[in-house]
Protein backbone atom coordinates (compact mmCIF):
# COMPACT_ATOMS: atom_id res chain seq x y z
CA MET A 1 38.49 25.43 31.68
CA ARG A 2 39.06 22.27 29.75
CA ILE A 3 37.57 21.88 26.19
CA LYS A 4 36.55 18.29 25.35
CA CYS A 5 37.20 17.71 21.66
CA LEU A 6 37.06 15.36 18.84
CA ALA A 7 38.64 15.18 15.55
CA ILE A 8 37.41 13.64 12.25
CA ASP A 9 39.38 13.09 9.12
CA ASP A 10 39.64 10.03 6.75
CA GLU A 11 43.39 10.82 6.14
CA PRO A 12 45.45 9.14 8.95
CA LEU A 13 48.39 11.59 8.78
CA ALA A 14 46.09 14.63 9.00
CA LEU A 15 44.29 13.05 11.84
CA GLN A 16 47.66 12.39 13.50
CA GLN A 17 48.73 16.07 13.12
CA ILE A 18 45.57 17.36 14.67
CA SER A 19 45.82 14.80 17.60
CA ALA A 20 49.35 16.00 18.26
CA TYR A 21 48.19 19.61 18.28
CA ILE A 22 45.50 18.87 20.77
CA ASP A 23 47.88 17.13 22.99
CA ARG A 24 50.22 20.01 22.93
CA THR A 25 47.62 22.60 23.97
CA PRO A 26 47.00 22.51 27.65
CA PHE A 27 43.31 23.62 27.66
CA LEU A 28 42.13 21.01 25.14
CA GLU A 29 41.16 17.32 26.19
CA LYS A 30 41.23 14.74 23.39
CA MET A 31 38.12 12.61 23.65
CA ALA A 32 38.33 10.62 20.21
CA LEU A 33 39.99 10.48 16.84
CA CYS A 34 37.51 9.21 14.14
CA GLN A 35 38.11 8.41 10.57
CA SER A 36 34.62 8.88 9.41
CA ALA A 37 31.55 10.96 10.31
CA TYR A 38 29.71 7.70 11.18
CA GLU A 39 32.40 6.95 13.79
CA ALA A 40 32.02 10.38 15.28
CA ILE A 41 28.15 9.90 15.42
CA GLU A 42 28.49 6.66 17.22
CA PHE A 43 30.85 8.25 19.83
CA THR A 44 28.85 11.53 20.42
CA ASP A 45 25.72 9.42 21.00
CA GLN A 46 27.33 8.36 24.17
CA GLN A 47 29.80 11.07 25.07
CA PRO A 48 29.03 14.71 24.11
CA VAL A 49 31.96 17.03 23.27
CA ASP A 50 32.57 20.75 23.27
CA LEU A 51 34.46 21.09 20.04
CA MET A 52 34.92 19.15 16.80
CA PHE A 53 37.62 19.32 14.16
CA VAL A 54 35.88 18.18 10.96
CA ASP A 55 37.46 17.46 7.59
CA ILE A 56 35.18 18.48 4.77
CA ASN A 57 36.10 16.24 2.00
CA MET A 58 35.39 12.77 3.31
CA PRO A 59 33.79 9.70 1.59
CA ASP A 60 30.27 8.51 2.37
CA LEU A 61 29.27 11.49 4.50
CA ASN A 62 31.19 14.66 4.01
CA GLY A 63 32.03 17.12 6.87
CA LEU A 64 29.45 19.78 5.86
CA ASP A 65 26.45 17.37 5.67
CA PHE A 66 27.56 15.69 8.80
CA VAL A 67 27.49 19.02 10.78
CA LYS A 68 24.11 19.99 9.24
CA SER A 69 22.91 16.72 10.46
CA LEU A 70 23.74 17.37 14.01
CA LYS A 71 20.85 18.06 16.34
CA ASN A 72 23.06 19.61 19.00
CA LYS A 73 26.14 21.22 17.53
CA PRO A 74 29.27 21.63 19.54
CA PHE A 75 31.73 24.27 18.35
CA ILE A 76 32.96 23.41 14.92
CA ILE A 77 36.36 24.14 13.29
CA PHE A 78 36.55 22.87 9.72
CA THR A 79 39.88 21.54 8.42
CA THR A 80 40.34 21.01 4.56
CA ALA A 81 42.64 21.36 1.66
CA TYR A 82 39.92 23.17 -0.40
CA SER A 83 39.38 26.87 0.13
CA GLU A 84 36.12 26.81 -1.99
CA TYR A 85 34.32 25.26 1.04
CA ALA A 86 34.95 28.30 3.17
CA LEU A 87 31.60 30.08 2.70
CA GLU A 88 29.60 26.93 3.13
CA GLY A 89 31.56 26.37 6.24
CA PHE A 90 30.57 29.52 7.86
CA LYS A 91 26.98 29.15 6.80
CA VAL A 92 26.71 26.26 9.32
CA ASP A 93 28.14 28.57 12.14
CA ALA A 94 31.68 27.15 12.22
CA VAL A 95 33.88 29.05 14.59
CA ASP A 96 36.84 28.85 12.03
CA TYR A 97 37.86 27.17 8.73
CA ILE A 98 41.47 26.35 8.39
CA LEU A 99 43.40 25.15 5.31
CA LYS A 100 45.65 22.12 5.14
CA PRO A 101 48.60 21.92 5.74
CA ILE A 102 47.77 23.41 9.14
CA SER A 103 50.39 25.14 11.19
CA TYR A 104 50.25 25.08 14.99
CA ASP A 105 49.90 28.84 14.97
CA GLU A 106 46.64 28.53 12.86
CA PHE A 107 45.44 25.76 15.00
CA LEU A 108 46.01 27.75 18.28
CA ARG A 109 44.33 30.91 16.82
CA ALA A 110 41.23 28.98 15.91
CA VAL A 111 40.96 27.11 19.42
CA ASN A 112 41.51 30.37 21.17
CA LYS A 113 38.37 31.57 19.43
CA VAL A 114 36.45 28.77 20.86
CA ARG A 115 37.87 29.32 24.29
CA ASP A 116 36.96 32.94 24.22
CA ARG A 117 33.36 32.07 23.11
CA MET A 118 33.05 29.51 26.01
CA ALA A 119 34.38 32.04 28.65
CA ALA A 120 31.94 34.69 27.37
CA THR A 121 29.15 32.21 27.76
CA ALA A 122 30.08 31.19 31.20
CA ALA A 123 30.37 34.79 32.17
CA VAL A 124 26.73 35.33 31.57
CA THR A 125 25.36 32.00 32.63
CA SER A 126 22.66 32.10 35.16
CA GLU A 127 22.12 28.87 36.79
CA THR A 128 19.11 30.30 38.37
CA VAL A 129 16.13 27.71 38.22
CA THR A 130 13.04 28.35 40.39
CA MET A 131 10.00 26.42 40.93
CA ASN A 132 6.65 26.19 42.47
CA LYS A 133 4.52 23.12 42.80
CA GLU A 134 3.42 23.00 39.22
CA SER A 135 5.79 25.21 37.20
CA LEU A 136 9.45 25.70 36.28
CA PHE A 137 10.97 29.12 35.68
CA VAL A 138 14.01 29.52 33.52
CA LYS A 139 15.66 32.25 31.51
CA SER A 140 15.54 32.01 27.75
CA GLU A 141 16.44 34.52 25.22
CA TYR A 142 16.66 37.32 27.90
CA LYS A 143 13.23 36.47 29.19
CA LEU A 144 11.82 34.67 32.15
CA VAL A 145 9.88 31.77 30.92
CA ARG A 146 7.20 29.84 32.89
CA ILE A 147 6.87 26.15 31.96
CA GLN A 148 4.25 23.91 33.35
CA LEU A 149 5.80 20.59 34.69
CA SER A 150 2.91 18.65 33.05
CA ASP A 151 3.86 20.01 29.59
CA ILE A 152 7.35 18.68 29.76
CA LYS A 153 8.13 15.50 27.80
CA TYR A 154 12.02 15.35 28.34
CA ILE A 155 14.92 17.55 28.92
CA GLU A 156 17.97 17.16 26.83
CA SER A 157 21.65 18.43 27.57
CA ALA A 158 23.32 20.47 24.80
CA ASN A 159 26.90 21.31 26.16
CA GLU A 160 26.38 24.20 28.47
CA TYR A 161 22.62 24.57 27.60
CA ILE A 162 19.51 22.40 27.93
CA GLN A 163 16.51 22.08 25.77
CA ILE A 164 13.16 21.48 27.41
CA HIS A 165 11.01 19.60 25.04
CA LEU A 166 7.20 20.16 25.48
CA ASP A 167 4.05 18.48 24.23
CA THR A 168 2.71 21.58 22.57
CA ASP A 169 5.48 24.01 21.56
CA LYS A 170 8.89 24.14 20.24
CA PRO A 171 11.86 23.30 22.76
CA ILE A 172 12.85 26.00 25.11
CA THR A 173 16.69 26.44 25.36
CA THR A 174 18.20 27.86 28.50
CA LEU A 175 21.78 28.23 29.75
CA VAL A 176 21.53 25.88 32.66
CA ARG A 177 23.49 22.54 33.20
CA LEU A 178 21.32 19.29 33.35
CA LYS A 179 22.36 18.52 36.91
CA THR A 180 21.30 21.85 38.09
CA ILE A 181 17.67 21.40 36.70
CA GLU A 182 17.64 17.83 37.81
CA ALA A 183 18.19 18.79 41.45
CA GLU A 184 15.12 21.07 41.28
CA LEU A 185 12.64 18.62 39.59
CA PRO A 186 10.40 16.46 41.82
CA LYS A 187 12.01 12.96 41.95
CA ASP A 188 8.58 11.18 41.78
CA LYS A 189 7.88 12.80 38.35
CA PHE A 190 11.11 13.19 36.52
CA MET A 191 14.06 10.73 36.11
CA ARG A 192 17.53 11.04 34.78
CA VAL A 193 17.85 8.12 32.30
CA HIS A 194 21.10 9.08 30.50
CA ARG A 195 23.88 11.60 30.92
CA SER A 196 22.15 13.79 28.38
CA PHE A 197 18.43 13.05 29.11
CA ILE A 198 15.83 13.51 31.93
CA VAL A 199 12.30 12.28 31.26
CA ASN A 200 8.86 13.03 32.62
CA LEU A 201 7.80 9.68 33.85
CA ASP A 202 4.11 10.45 33.29
CA LYS A 203 4.86 10.85 29.56
CA VAL A 204 6.59 7.47 29.17
CA LYS A 205 4.19 5.28 27.19
CA VAL A 206 6.43 3.20 24.76
CA ILE A 207 9.71 1.52 25.54
CA ASP A 208 11.48 -0.16 22.66
CA ARG A 209 14.65 -2.28 23.39
CA ASN A 210 15.74 -0.15 26.31
CA ARG A 211 14.90 3.06 24.51
CA ILE A 212 12.03 5.47 25.53
CA VAL A 213 9.97 6.42 22.48
CA PHE A 214 8.53 9.95 22.15
CA ASP A 215 6.91 10.07 18.69
CA LYS A 216 9.93 9.82 16.43
CA VAL A 217 12.63 10.48 19.20
CA TYR A 218 14.35 7.45 20.76
CA ILE A 219 15.96 8.26 24.04
CA PRO A 220 18.58 5.66 25.25
CA VAL A 221 18.69 4.42 28.85
CA GLY A 222 22.40 4.70 30.04
CA ASP A 223 23.86 1.73 31.80
CA GLN A 224 24.29 3.56 35.09
CA TYR A 225 20.59 4.36 35.11
CA LYS A 226 19.12 1.07 34.01
CA ASP A 227 18.52 -0.25 37.43
CA GLU A 228 16.47 2.63 38.58
CA PHE A 229 14.51 2.84 35.43
CA GLN A 230 13.69 -0.92 35.52
CA LYS A 231 12.10 -0.34 38.91
CA PHE A 232 9.79 2.31 37.41
CA VAL A 233 9.06 -0.12 34.44
CA ASP A 234 8.25 -3.03 36.94
CA LYS A 235 6.03 -0.81 38.94
CA THR A 236 4.29 0.87 36.16
CA PHE A 237 3.99 -1.44 33.18
CA LEU A 238 4.16 -4.89 34.89
CA VAL A 239 1.47 -4.59 37.52
């Protein structure tokens, strides 16, 4: 199991140290190094990660506020020189909180916690998705939930989970990969438009600069999906 990770720190030397530790650890895969939270936001909009190393004391947008703002949080390990932030760090469900200067032993202990959690999650994963003509059945919070296909607006990937966003209720989270549910959905009704999103084509009413608009949510159309989505637009909107 490879853990895709990203590090954020405005101090180049600290970022370089985390980078070296990631490279030294066989089960970690370095996806990006960012010197601000805004750089990280821009990267993760296009490329989800499993784990973030986040410095807390950064200008413009500090690490705590950045993590609080994330809609779909990966595993978080805070790195900081200030011990007084520890309680706040754990309030946002951080896996660990390590103080600078960071030794490799401390780093390895923290990332092993992440690996253990991911392994435990994988062990209980049920990729079972069943359907009939009008409904989808998934496991959520130890229950089997029936979802009407006509109620689904879009489906969003969140690491090993997906969130099924509905017209009338809060999203339903289930431990299934996006490609698994994509294979079950009717192709004439649902389309993958981004590595992280599937949309219900019947619900697509507004398109703004190559983004699908659902209320205040803007879903980007990824480059590899643009041609197929344009065929749908031409057929549906330009008749």
